[in-house]
Amino acid sequence: MERKKDFSVVAQHVSKLMQQNPKNSSSAQLAKIILKDQALSSKLLRPVNSSAYDSFGDEIRTVSRAVAILGMEHVRPLSVGIIMFQHLKDSEQIDALKSNACCFFLSATLTKSLAGFIHGLDPEEVFLVSMFHKLGRQISIYYLPDEYEEILKQIRHKSLRENKATKHILSMCFVELGKTVANK
């Protein structure tokens, strides 16, 4: 990870976005963070100006209005997704990263929806836990591409289960890798 220093910058930006939550933050605070990134600001305005939001009349031109229309609970994950995919544009492993990111984002979204039906679970917390559950795989794909490819070969050619192949190559499973990095 030391070879790719840009990760910490992206992680800090994502962290600032995720700290903004409807319980203790205002939409103005979220909009202010988004406005610091011109590319993110313009890309965020695209979905709010799509045909799905026709009923709001004129074109939405400000991030604060976009946040008000979409809601903080939708803008935060959308912004994080935009940042992550922006960051991946020059990566050699872009297809695997995008595919994995889409899978764990969908998984986290579904888990968050299901958590709403279970008393005592905070859907937002469940969403984040589900997202971080796949962090180790993403780290491996991005930072350890040769090892990740070897894990896939072990699974395909030796019919090993993912955990066993991962432990054989990395000396730990993806979940352990994600936890180790997240704790740093």
N, C-alpha and C. Protein backbone atom coordinates (compact mmCIF):
# COMPACT_ATOMS: atom_id res chain seq x y z
N MET A 1 0.82 -1.19 0.00
CA MET A 1 0.00 0.00 0.00
C MET A 1 0.86 1.26 0.00
N GLU A 2 2.09 1.14 0.49
CA GLU A 2 3.01 2.27 0.49
C GLU A 2 3.31 2.76 -0.93
N ARG A 3 3.24 1.86 -1.93
CA ARG A 3 3.53 2.23 -3.31
C ARG A 3 2.46 3.14 -3.89
N LYS A 4 1.27 3.07 -3.38
CA LYS A 4 0.16 3.85 -3.93
C LYS A 4 -0.34 4.82 -2.86
N LYS A 5 0.36 5.91 -2.71
CA LYS A 5 0.10 6.88 -1.65
C LYS A 5 -1.25 7.58 -1.79
N ASP A 6 -1.81 7.62 -2.99
CA ASP A 6 -3.05 8.35 -3.22
C ASP A 6 -4.23 7.74 -2.46
N PHE A 7 -4.11 6.50 -2.00
CA PHE A 7 -5.20 5.86 -1.29
C PHE A 7 -5.59 6.63 -0.04
N SER A 8 -4.61 7.14 0.71
CA SER A 8 -4.92 7.83 1.96
C SER A 8 -5.72 9.10 1.71
N VAL A 9 -5.46 9.79 0.61
CA VAL A 9 -6.21 11.00 0.26
C VAL A 9 -7.68 10.63 -0.01
N VAL A 10 -7.88 9.58 -0.80
CA VAL A 10 -9.23 9.12 -1.10
C VAL A 10 -9.92 8.68 0.18
N ALA A 11 -9.23 7.93 1.02
CA ALA A 11 -9.80 7.43 2.26
C ALA A 11 -10.23 8.59 3.17
N GLN A 12 -9.43 9.65 3.23
CA GLN A 12 -9.79 10.80 4.06
C GLN A 12 -11.05 11.48 3.53
N HIS A 13 -11.15 11.63 2.22
CA HIS A 13 -12.32 12.26 1.60
C HIS A 13 -13.57 11.42 1.88
N VAL A 14 -13.46 10.12 1.70
CA VAL A 14 -14.58 9.21 1.96
C VAL A 14 -14.97 9.28 3.44
N SER A 15 -13.98 9.30 4.32
CA SER A 15 -14.23 9.36 5.75
C SER A 15 -15.02 10.62 6.12
N LYS A 16 -14.63 11.76 5.56
CA LYS A 16 -15.34 13.01 5.84
C LYS A 16 -16.80 12.93 5.39
N LEU A 17 -17.02 12.33 4.22
CA LEU A 17 -18.39 12.18 3.72
C LEU A 17 -19.22 11.27 4.62
N MET A 18 -18.62 10.15 5.04
CA MET A 18 -19.37 9.18 5.82
C MET A 18 -19.64 9.65 7.24
N GLN A 19 -18.85 10.61 7.73
CA GLN A 19 -19.08 11.16 9.06
C GLN A 19 -20.33 12.03 9.10
N GLN A 20 -20.76 12.49 7.96
CA GLN A 20 -21.95 13.33 7.89
C GLN A 20 -23.17 12.43 7.91
N ASN A 21 -23.92 12.47 8.97
CA ASN A 21 -25.11 11.63 9.00
C ASN A 21 -26.30 12.44 9.46
N PRO A 22 -27.48 12.06 8.97
CA PRO A 22 -28.68 12.86 9.22
C PRO A 22 -28.98 13.11 10.69
N LYS A 23 -28.47 12.25 11.58
CA LYS A 23 -28.76 12.39 13.01
C LYS A 23 -27.99 13.55 13.64
N ASN A 24 -26.78 13.83 13.14
CA ASN A 24 -25.99 14.86 13.80
C ASN A 24 -25.34 15.87 12.84
N SER A 25 -25.74 15.85 11.58
CA SER A 25 -25.17 16.78 10.59
C SER A 25 -26.29 17.39 9.75
N SER A 26 -25.99 18.51 9.16
CA SER A 26 -26.98 19.15 8.29
C SER A 26 -26.62 18.87 6.83
N SER A 27 -27.61 19.03 5.97
CA SER A 27 -27.36 18.84 4.55
C SER A 27 -26.39 19.92 4.04
N ALA A 28 -26.37 21.08 4.68
CA ALA A 28 -25.44 22.15 4.29
C ALA A 28 -24.00 21.72 4.56
N GLN A 29 -23.76 21.02 5.67
CA GLN A 29 -22.42 20.53 5.98
C GLN A 29 -21.97 19.52 4.92
N LEU A 30 -22.87 18.62 4.54
CA LEU A 30 -22.55 17.63 3.52
C LEU A 30 -22.26 18.31 2.18
N ALA A 31 -23.09 19.27 1.82
CA ALA A 31 -22.90 20.00 0.56
C ALA A 31 -21.56 20.72 0.54
N LYS A 32 -21.16 21.29 1.67
CA LYS A 32 -19.88 22.00 1.77
C LYS A 32 -18.71 21.06 1.50
N ILE A 33 -18.77 19.83 2.02
CA ILE A 33 -17.70 18.85 1.79
C ILE A 33 -17.66 18.45 0.31
N ILE A 34 -18.82 18.24 -0.27
CA ILE A 34 -18.90 17.84 -1.68
C ILE A 34 -18.37 18.94 -2.59
N LEU A 35 -18.68 20.19 -2.26
CA LEU A 35 -18.26 21.32 -3.09
C LEU A 35 -16.74 21.50 -3.15
N LYS A 36 -16.01 20.91 -2.21
CA LYS A 36 -14.55 20.99 -2.23
C LYS A 36 -13.95 20.17 -3.38
N ASP A 37 -14.76 19.31 -3.96
CA ASP A 37 -14.30 18.46 -5.07
C ASP A 37 -15.15 18.80 -6.29
N GLN A 38 -14.59 19.59 -7.21
CA GLN A 38 -15.33 20.07 -8.39
C GLN A 38 -15.86 18.92 -9.23
N ALA A 39 -15.04 17.89 -9.45
CA ALA A 39 -15.48 16.75 -10.27
C ALA A 39 -16.64 16.03 -9.61
N LEU A 40 -16.56 15.84 -8.30
CA LEU A 40 -17.64 15.19 -7.56
C LEU A 40 -18.91 16.03 -7.65
N SER A 41 -18.78 17.33 -7.48
CA SER A 41 -19.95 18.22 -7.53
C SER A 41 -20.69 18.10 -8.85
N SER A 42 -19.96 18.16 -9.95
CA SER A 42 -20.63 18.10 -11.26
C SER A 42 -21.22 16.72 -11.52
N LYS A 43 -20.53 15.67 -11.10
CA LYS A 43 -21.05 14.32 -11.31
C LYS A 43 -22.26 14.02 -10.44
N LEU A 44 -22.33 14.62 -9.27
CA LEU A 44 -23.47 14.43 -8.38
C LEU A 44 -24.74 15.07 -8.95
N LEU A 45 -24.57 16.14 -9.71
CA LEU A 45 -25.73 16.83 -10.28
C LEU A 45 -26.38 16.02 -11.41
N ARG A 46 -25.64 15.13 -12.03
CA ARG A 46 -26.21 14.33 -13.13
C ARG A 46 -27.40 13.48 -12.70
N PRO A 47 -27.27 12.66 -11.64
CA PRO A 47 -28.42 11.82 -11.28
C PRO A 47 -29.65 12.63 -10.85
N VAL A 48 -29.42 13.74 -10.15
CA VAL A 48 -30.56 14.53 -9.70
C VAL A 48 -31.26 15.23 -10.86
N ASN A 49 -30.56 15.39 -11.97
CA ASN A 49 -31.16 15.98 -13.17
C ASN A 49 -31.63 14.94 -14.17
N SER A 50 -31.64 13.69 -13.76
CA SER A 50 -32.12 12.62 -14.64
C SER A 50 -33.64 12.64 -14.69
N SER A 51 -34.19 11.87 -15.59
CA SER A 51 -35.65 11.84 -15.77
C SER A 51 -36.38 11.36 -14.52
N ALA A 52 -35.71 10.65 -13.65
CA ALA A 52 -36.36 10.16 -12.42
C ALA A 52 -36.78 11.31 -11.51
N TYR A 53 -36.17 12.48 -11.68
CA TYR A 53 -36.49 13.62 -10.82
C TYR A 53 -37.11 14.78 -11.60
N ASP A 54 -37.80 14.46 -12.69
CA ASP A 54 -38.47 15.47 -13.53
C ASP A 54 -39.41 16.37 -12.74
N SER A 55 -40.04 15.82 -11.73
CA SER A 55 -41.10 16.55 -11.04
C SER A 55 -40.61 17.78 -10.29
N PHE A 56 -39.29 18.00 -10.22
CA PHE A 56 -38.78 19.16 -9.51
C PHE A 56 -38.64 20.38 -10.41
N GLY A 57 -39.08 20.25 -11.65
CA GLY A 57 -39.11 21.40 -12.55
C GLY A 57 -37.78 21.66 -13.23
N ASP A 58 -37.27 22.86 -13.02
CA ASP A 58 -36.04 23.29 -13.69
C ASP A 58 -34.84 22.42 -13.30
N GLU A 59 -33.79 22.59 -14.10
CA GLU A 59 -32.55 21.86 -13.84
C GLU A 59 -31.98 22.25 -12.47
N ILE A 60 -31.52 21.25 -11.74
CA ILE A 60 -30.91 21.47 -10.43
C ILE A 60 -29.45 21.86 -10.68
N ARG A 61 -29.04 23.03 -10.18
CA ARG A 61 -27.70 23.54 -10.47
C ARG A 61 -26.81 23.65 -9.24
N THR A 62 -27.37 23.45 -8.06
CA THR A 62 -26.55 23.57 -6.85
C THR A 62 -26.50 22.24 -6.11
N VAL A 63 -25.36 22.00 -5.49
CA VAL A 63 -25.19 20.77 -4.72
C VAL A 63 -26.12 20.76 -3.51
N SER A 64 -26.31 21.90 -2.88
CA SER A 64 -27.19 21.94 -1.70
C SER A 64 -28.62 21.56 -2.07
N ARG A 65 -29.08 21.98 -3.23
CA ARG A 65 -30.43 21.59 -3.67
C ARG A 65 -30.46 20.10 -4.02
N ALA A 66 -29.40 19.60 -4.61
CA ALA A 66 -29.31 18.17 -4.93
C ALA A 66 -29.38 17.34 -3.66
N VAL A 67 -28.67 17.79 -2.62
CA VAL A 67 -28.70 17.08 -1.33
C VAL A 67 -30.10 17.11 -0.75
N ALA A 68 -30.76 18.26 -0.86
CA ALA A 68 -32.12 18.38 -0.34
C ALA A 68 -33.09 17.45 -1.08
N ILE A 69 -32.94 17.32 -2.37
CA ILE A 69 -33.83 16.48 -3.17
C ILE A 69 -33.54 14.99 -2.97
N LEU A 70 -32.27 14.62 -3.07
CA LEU A 70 -31.92 13.21 -2.95
C LEU A 70 -31.93 12.73 -1.50
N GLY A 71 -31.62 13.62 -0.58
CA GLY A 71 -31.54 13.25 0.84
C GLY A 71 -30.13 12.80 1.18
N MET A 72 -29.72 13.08 2.40
CA MET A 72 -28.37 12.74 2.84
C MET A 72 -28.10 11.25 2.77
N GLU A 73 -29.12 10.44 3.08
CA GLU A 73 -28.91 8.99 3.10
C GLU A 73 -28.62 8.42 1.71
N HIS A 74 -28.96 9.16 0.65
CA HIS A 74 -28.66 8.72 -0.71
C HIS A 74 -27.42 9.42 -1.28
N VAL A 75 -27.20 10.66 -0.87
CA VAL A 75 -26.08 11.43 -1.41
C VAL A 75 -24.74 10.90 -0.91
N ARG A 76 -24.68 10.51 0.35
CA ARG A 76 -23.40 10.02 0.88
C ARG A 76 -22.89 8.79 0.12
N PRO A 77 -23.66 7.70 0.03
CA PRO A 77 -23.13 6.55 -0.71
C PRO A 77 -22.90 6.85 -2.19
N LEU A 78 -23.76 7.68 -2.78
CA LEU A 78 -23.57 8.05 -4.19
C LEU A 78 -22.25 8.80 -4.35
N SER A 79 -21.96 9.73 -3.46
CA SER A 79 -20.72 10.49 -3.51
C SER A 79 -19.50 9.59 -3.32
N VAL A 80 -19.60 8.68 -2.37
CA VAL A 80 -18.49 7.75 -2.13
C VAL A 80 -18.24 6.91 -3.38
N GLY A 81 -19.31 6.43 -3.99
CA GLY A 81 -19.17 5.65 -5.22
C GLY A 81 -18.50 6.44 -6.33
N ILE A 82 -18.91 7.69 -6.49
CA ILE A 82 -18.32 8.55 -7.52
C ILE A 82 -16.83 8.74 -7.25
N ILE A 83 -16.47 9.01 -6.00
CA ILE A 83 -15.07 9.22 -5.65
C ILE A 83 -14.25 7.97 -5.95
N MET A 84 -14.77 6.83 -5.53
CA MET A 84 -14.03 5.59 -5.72
C MET A 84 -13.83 5.28 -7.20
N PHE A 85 -14.87 5.45 -8.01
CA PHE A 85 -14.73 5.14 -9.43
C PHE A 85 -13.87 6.18 -10.15
N GLN A 86 -13.90 7.42 -9.71
CA GLN A 86 -13.01 8.44 -10.25
C GLN A 86 -11.57 8.04 -10.00
N HIS A 87 -11.32 7.58 -8.81
CA HIS A 87 -9.99 7.19 -8.39
C HIS A 87 -9.47 5.98 -9.17
N LEU A 88 -10.34 5.11 -9.61
CA LEU A 88 -9.95 3.87 -10.26
C LEU A 88 -9.69 4.00 -11.75
N LYS A 89 -9.90 5.15 -12.32
CA LYS A 89 -9.91 5.27 -13.78
C LYS A 89 -8.63 4.82 -14.48
N ASP A 90 -7.48 4.89 -13.82
CA ASP A 90 -6.24 4.50 -14.48
C ASP A 90 -5.71 3.15 -14.00
N SER A 91 -6.47 2.47 -13.20
CA SER A 91 -6.01 1.21 -12.63
C SER A 91 -6.04 0.07 -13.64
N GLU A 92 -5.05 -0.80 -13.56
CA GLU A 92 -5.01 -1.97 -14.44
C GLU A 92 -6.11 -2.96 -14.10
N GLN A 93 -6.53 -2.99 -12.87
CA GLN A 93 -7.51 -3.96 -12.40
C GLN A 93 -8.92 -3.37 -12.35
N ILE A 94 -9.17 -2.36 -13.15
CA ILE A 94 -10.42 -1.60 -13.05
C ILE A 94 -11.68 -2.46 -13.16
N ASP A 95 -11.70 -3.43 -14.07
CA ASP A 95 -12.90 -4.25 -14.22
C ASP A 95 -13.20 -5.05 -12.97
N ALA A 96 -12.18 -5.68 -12.41
CA ALA A 96 -12.37 -6.47 -11.18
C ALA A 96 -12.77 -5.57 -10.02
N LEU A 97 -12.13 -4.40 -9.93
CA LEU A 97 -12.46 -3.47 -8.85
C LEU A 97 -13.89 -2.96 -8.95
N LYS A 98 -14.28 -2.57 -10.15
CA LYS A 98 -15.64 -2.06 -10.35
C LYS A 98 -16.68 -3.15 -10.07
N SER A 99 -16.43 -4.33 -10.58
CA SER A 99 -17.35 -5.44 -10.37
C SER A 99 -17.49 -5.75 -8.89
N ASN A 100 -16.37 -5.84 -8.20
CA ASN A 100 -16.39 -6.13 -6.77
C ASN A 100 -17.08 -5.00 -6.00
N ALA A 101 -16.77 -3.76 -6.35
CA ALA A 101 -17.38 -2.61 -5.67
C ALA A 101 -18.89 -2.61 -5.86
N CYS A 102 -19.34 -2.88 -7.07
CA CYS A 102 -20.78 -2.94 -7.34
C CYS A 102 -21.45 -4.04 -6.52
N CYS A 103 -20.79 -5.19 -6.45
CA CYS A 103 -21.34 -6.32 -5.69
C CYS A 103 -21.45 -5.98 -4.21
N PHE A 104 -20.38 -5.41 -3.63
CA PHE A 104 -20.49 -5.17 -2.20
C PHE A 104 -21.35 -3.96 -1.89
N PHE A 105 -21.47 -3.01 -2.81
CA PHE A 105 -22.38 -1.89 -2.59
C PHE A 105 -23.84 -2.38 -2.64
N LEU A 106 -24.14 -3.23 -3.61
CA LEU A 106 -25.49 -3.80 -3.70
C LEU A 106 -25.79 -4.63 -2.47
N SER A 107 -24.83 -5.44 -2.05
CA SER A 107 -25.00 -6.26 -0.85
C SER A 107 -25.27 -5.39 0.38
N ALA A 108 -24.49 -4.32 0.52
CA ALA A 108 -24.67 -3.43 1.66
C ALA A 108 -26.02 -2.71 1.61
N THR A 109 -26.44 -2.33 0.42
CA THR A 109 -27.74 -1.66 0.26
C THR A 109 -28.88 -2.60 0.64
N LEU A 110 -28.81 -3.83 0.18
CA LEU A 110 -29.84 -4.82 0.52
C LEU A 110 -29.83 -5.13 2.01
N THR A 111 -28.64 -5.26 2.57
CA THR A 111 -28.52 -5.53 4.01
C THR A 111 -29.11 -4.37 4.81
N LYS A 112 -28.85 -3.15 4.38
CA LYS A 112 -29.40 -1.97 5.07
C LYS A 112 -30.92 -1.99 5.02
N SER A 113 -31.48 -2.35 3.86
CA SER A 113 -32.93 -2.42 3.73
C SER A 113 -33.52 -3.48 4.66
N LEU A 114 -32.88 -4.62 4.72
CA LEU A 114 -33.37 -5.70 5.58
C LEU A 114 -33.24 -5.34 7.06
N ALA A 115 -32.19 -4.61 7.41
CA ALA A 115 -31.98 -4.21 8.80
C ALA A 115 -33.11 -3.34 9.32
N GLY A 116 -33.76 -2.62 8.42
CA GLY A 116 -34.88 -1.77 8.82
C GLY A 116 -36.06 -2.56 9.38
N PHE A 117 -36.12 -3.85 9.08
CA PHE A 117 -37.20 -4.70 9.56
C PHE A 117 -36.87 -5.40 10.88
N ILE A 118 -35.63 -5.26 11.36
CA ILE A 118 -35.21 -5.94 12.58
C ILE A 118 -35.02 -4.91 13.68
N HIS A 119 -35.82 -5.05 14.72
CA HIS A 119 -35.78 -4.11 15.84
C HIS A 119 -34.40 -4.12 16.49
N GLY A 120 -33.87 -2.94 16.76
CA GLY A 120 -32.60 -2.82 17.46
C GLY A 120 -31.39 -2.67 16.55
N LEU A 121 -31.55 -2.86 15.26
CA LEU A 121 -30.43 -2.70 14.34
C LEU A 121 -30.49 -1.32 13.69
N ASP A 122 -29.38 -0.65 13.66
CA ASP A 122 -29.28 0.63 12.99
C ASP A 122 -28.93 0.36 11.53
N PRO A 123 -29.84 0.64 10.59
CA PRO A 123 -29.58 0.34 9.18
C PRO A 123 -28.30 0.97 8.65
N GLU A 124 -27.96 2.17 9.10
CA GLU A 124 -26.74 2.83 8.64
C GLU A 124 -25.50 2.07 9.10
N GLU A 125 -25.54 1.62 10.34
CA GLU A 125 -24.41 0.86 10.88
C GLU A 125 -24.27 -0.48 10.15
N VAL A 126 -25.39 -1.13 9.88
CA VAL A 126 -25.38 -2.40 9.16
C VAL A 126 -24.82 -2.19 7.75
N PHE A 127 -25.18 -1.08 7.11
CA PHE A 127 -24.66 -0.76 5.78
C PHE A 127 -23.13 -0.66 5.80
N LEU A 128 -22.59 0.08 6.77
CA LEU A 128 -21.15 0.26 6.85
C LEU A 128 -20.42 -1.05 7.15
N VAL A 129 -20.97 -1.84 8.06
CA VAL A 129 -20.36 -3.13 8.38
C VAL A 129 -20.33 -4.01 7.14
N SER A 130 -21.42 -4.01 6.40
CA SER A 130 -21.48 -4.82 5.19
C SER A 130 -20.46 -4.34 4.15
N MET A 131 -20.31 -3.03 4.03
CA MET A 131 -19.33 -2.48 3.09
C MET A 131 -17.91 -2.90 3.49
N PHE A 132 -17.60 -2.78 4.77
CA PHE A 132 -16.25 -3.10 5.23
C PHE A 132 -15.97 -4.60 5.22
N HIS A 133 -17.00 -5.40 5.20
CA HIS A 133 -16.82 -6.85 5.15
C HIS A 133 -16.07 -7.25 3.88
N LYS A 134 -16.20 -6.50 2.82
CA LYS A 134 -15.55 -6.81 1.54
C LYS A 134 -14.28 -5.99 1.30
N LEU A 135 -13.87 -5.22 2.28
CA LEU A 135 -12.71 -4.34 2.12
C LEU A 135 -11.44 -5.11 1.78
N GLY A 136 -11.21 -6.24 2.42
CA GLY A 136 -10.01 -7.03 2.19
C GLY A 136 -9.86 -7.46 0.74
N ARG A 137 -10.97 -7.86 0.13
CA ARG A 137 -10.93 -8.27 -1.28
C ARG A 137 -10.55 -7.08 -2.15
N GLN A 138 -11.13 -5.93 -1.89
CA GLN A 138 -10.84 -4.73 -2.68
C GLN A 138 -9.37 -4.35 -2.53
N ILE A 139 -8.86 -4.42 -1.32
CA ILE A 139 -7.46 -4.10 -1.07
C ILE A 139 -6.56 -5.05 -1.85
N SER A 140 -6.91 -6.32 -1.81
CA SER A 140 -6.11 -7.32 -2.53
C SER A 140 -6.11 -7.06 -4.04
N ILE A 141 -7.27 -6.79 -4.59
CA ILE A 141 -7.36 -6.54 -6.03
C ILE A 141 -6.51 -5.33 -6.42
N TYR A 142 -6.59 -4.27 -5.64
CA TYR A 142 -5.91 -3.03 -5.98
C TYR A 142 -4.42 -3.04 -5.65
N TYR A 143 -4.09 -3.45 -4.43
CA TYR A 143 -2.71 -3.35 -3.97
C TYR A 143 -1.87 -4.60 -4.18
N LEU A 144 -2.53 -5.74 -4.30
CA LEU A 144 -1.81 -7.00 -4.45
C LEU A 144 -2.35 -7.76 -5.66
N PRO A 145 -2.29 -7.15 -6.84
CA PRO A 145 -2.92 -7.76 -8.01
C PRO A 145 -2.34 -9.13 -8.39
N ASP A 146 -1.03 -9.31 -8.23
CA ASP A 146 -0.43 -10.60 -8.56
C ASP A 146 -0.92 -11.69 -7.60
N GLU A 147 -0.98 -11.35 -6.33
CA GLU A 147 -1.46 -12.30 -5.33
C GLU A 147 -2.94 -12.61 -5.56
N TYR A 148 -3.71 -11.57 -5.90
CA TYR A 148 -5.14 -11.80 -6.16
C TYR A 148 -5.34 -12.75 -7.34
N GLU A 149 -4.55 -12.54 -8.38
CA GLU A 149 -4.65 -13.41 -9.56
C GLU A 149 -4.27 -14.85 -9.19
N GLU A 150 -3.28 -14.99 -8.34
CA GLU A 150 -2.87 -16.33 -7.89
C GLU A 150 -3.98 -16.98 -7.06
N ILE A 151 -4.67 -16.20 -6.25
CA ILE A 151 -5.81 -16.72 -5.47
C ILE A 151 -6.87 -17.25 -6.43
N LEU A 152 -7.18 -16.48 -7.46
CA LEU A 152 -8.18 -16.91 -8.44
C LEU A 152 -7.75 -18.20 -9.15
N LYS A 153 -6.46 -18.30 -9.47
CA LYS A 153 -5.94 -19.52 -10.11
C LYS A 153 -6.10 -20.72 -9.19
N GLN A 154 -5.80 -20.51 -7.91
CA GLN A 154 -5.93 -21.60 -6.93
C GLN A 154 -7.38 -22.07 -6.84
N ILE A 155 -8.29 -21.14 -6.88
CA ILE A 155 -9.72 -21.48 -6.80
C ILE A 155 -10.15 -22.24 -8.06
N ARG A 156 -9.73 -21.75 -9.23
CA ARG A 156 -10.13 -22.37 -10.50
C ARG A 156 -9.46 -23.72 -10.73
N HIS A 157 -8.17 -23.76 -10.58
CA HIS A 157 -7.42 -24.96 -10.99
C HIS A 157 -7.28 -26.02 -9.91
N LYS A 158 -7.30 -25.61 -8.66
CA LYS A 158 -7.14 -26.59 -7.58
C LYS A 158 -8.44 -26.82 -6.83
N SER A 159 -9.51 -26.16 -7.30
CA SER A 159 -10.83 -26.28 -6.67
C SER A 159 -10.81 -25.98 -5.18
N LEU A 160 -9.96 -25.02 -4.80
CA LEU A 160 -9.92 -24.61 -3.39
C LEU A 160 -11.04 -23.62 -3.11
N ARG A 161 -11.51 -23.62 -1.88
CA ARG A 161 -12.45 -22.59 -1.46
C ARG A 161 -11.70 -21.27 -1.31
N GLU A 162 -12.42 -20.18 -1.46
CA GLU A 162 -11.78 -18.87 -1.43
C GLU A 162 -10.95 -18.64 -0.17
N ASN A 163 -11.51 -18.93 1.00
CA ASN A 163 -10.77 -18.69 2.25
C ASN A 163 -9.47 -19.49 2.29
N LYS A 164 -9.52 -20.73 1.87
CA LYS A 164 -8.32 -21.57 1.90
C LYS A 164 -7.27 -21.04 0.91
N ALA A 165 -7.69 -20.68 -0.29
CA ALA A 165 -6.76 -20.14 -1.28
C ALA A 165 -6.16 -18.82 -0.80
N THR A 166 -6.98 -17.98 -0.22
CA THR A 166 -6.53 -16.68 0.28
C THR A 166 -5.53 -16.85 1.42
N LYS A 167 -5.85 -17.75 2.34
CA LYS A 167 -4.92 -18.00 3.45
C LYS A 167 -3.61 -18.59 2.94
N HIS A 168 -3.68 -19.43 1.92
CA HIS A 168 -2.48 -20.02 1.35
C HIS A 168 -1.58 -18.95 0.72
N ILE A 169 -2.17 -18.00 0.02
CA ILE A 169 -1.40 -16.97 -0.69
C ILE A 169 -1.04 -15.79 0.21
N LEU A 170 -2.00 -15.31 0.99
CA LEU A 170 -1.78 -14.10 1.80
C LEU A 170 -1.52 -14.38 3.28
N SER A 171 -1.66 -15.62 3.68
CA SER A 171 -1.54 -16.03 5.09
C SER A 171 -2.68 -15.50 5.95
N MET A 172 -3.71 -15.04 5.33
CA MET A 172 -4.92 -14.59 6.02
C MET A 172 -6.05 -14.51 5.00
N CYS A 173 -7.29 -14.57 5.48
CA CYS A 173 -8.42 -14.45 4.56
C CYS A 173 -8.70 -12.97 4.28
N PHE A 174 -9.58 -12.72 3.32
CA PHE A 174 -9.89 -11.33 2.94
C PHE A 174 -10.46 -10.54 4.12
N VAL A 175 -11.30 -11.18 4.92
CA VAL A 175 -11.90 -10.48 6.07
C VAL A 175 -10.81 -10.04 7.04
N GLU A 176 -9.86 -10.92 7.32
CA GLU A 176 -8.75 -10.57 8.22
C GLU A 176 -7.90 -9.44 7.64
N LEU A 177 -7.66 -9.49 6.33
CA LEU A 177 -6.89 -8.42 5.67
C LEU A 177 -7.62 -7.09 5.81
N GLY A 178 -8.91 -7.09 5.55
CA GLY A 178 -9.71 -5.86 5.68
C GLY A 178 -9.68 -5.32 7.10
N LYS A 179 -9.83 -6.20 8.08
CA LYS A 179 -9.80 -5.77 9.49
C LYS A 179 -8.44 -5.18 9.87
N THR A 180 -7.39 -5.86 9.41
CA THR A 180 -6.03 -5.40 9.73
C THR A 180 -5.79 -3.99 9.17
N VAL A 181 -6.15 -3.78 7.92
CA VAL A 181 -5.95 -2.48 7.30
C VAL A 181 -6.85 -1.42 7.94
N ALA A 182 -8.10 -1.78 8.20
CA ALA A 182 -9.04 -0.82 8.79
C ALA A 182 -8.60 -0.38 10.18
N ASN A 183 -7.92 -1.26 10.90
CA ASN A 183 -7.45 -0.92 12.24
C ASN A 183 -6.20 -0.06 12.26
N LYS A 184 -5.57 0.12 11.11
CA LYS A 184 -4.33 0.92 11.04
C LYS A 184 -4.61 2.39 11.08
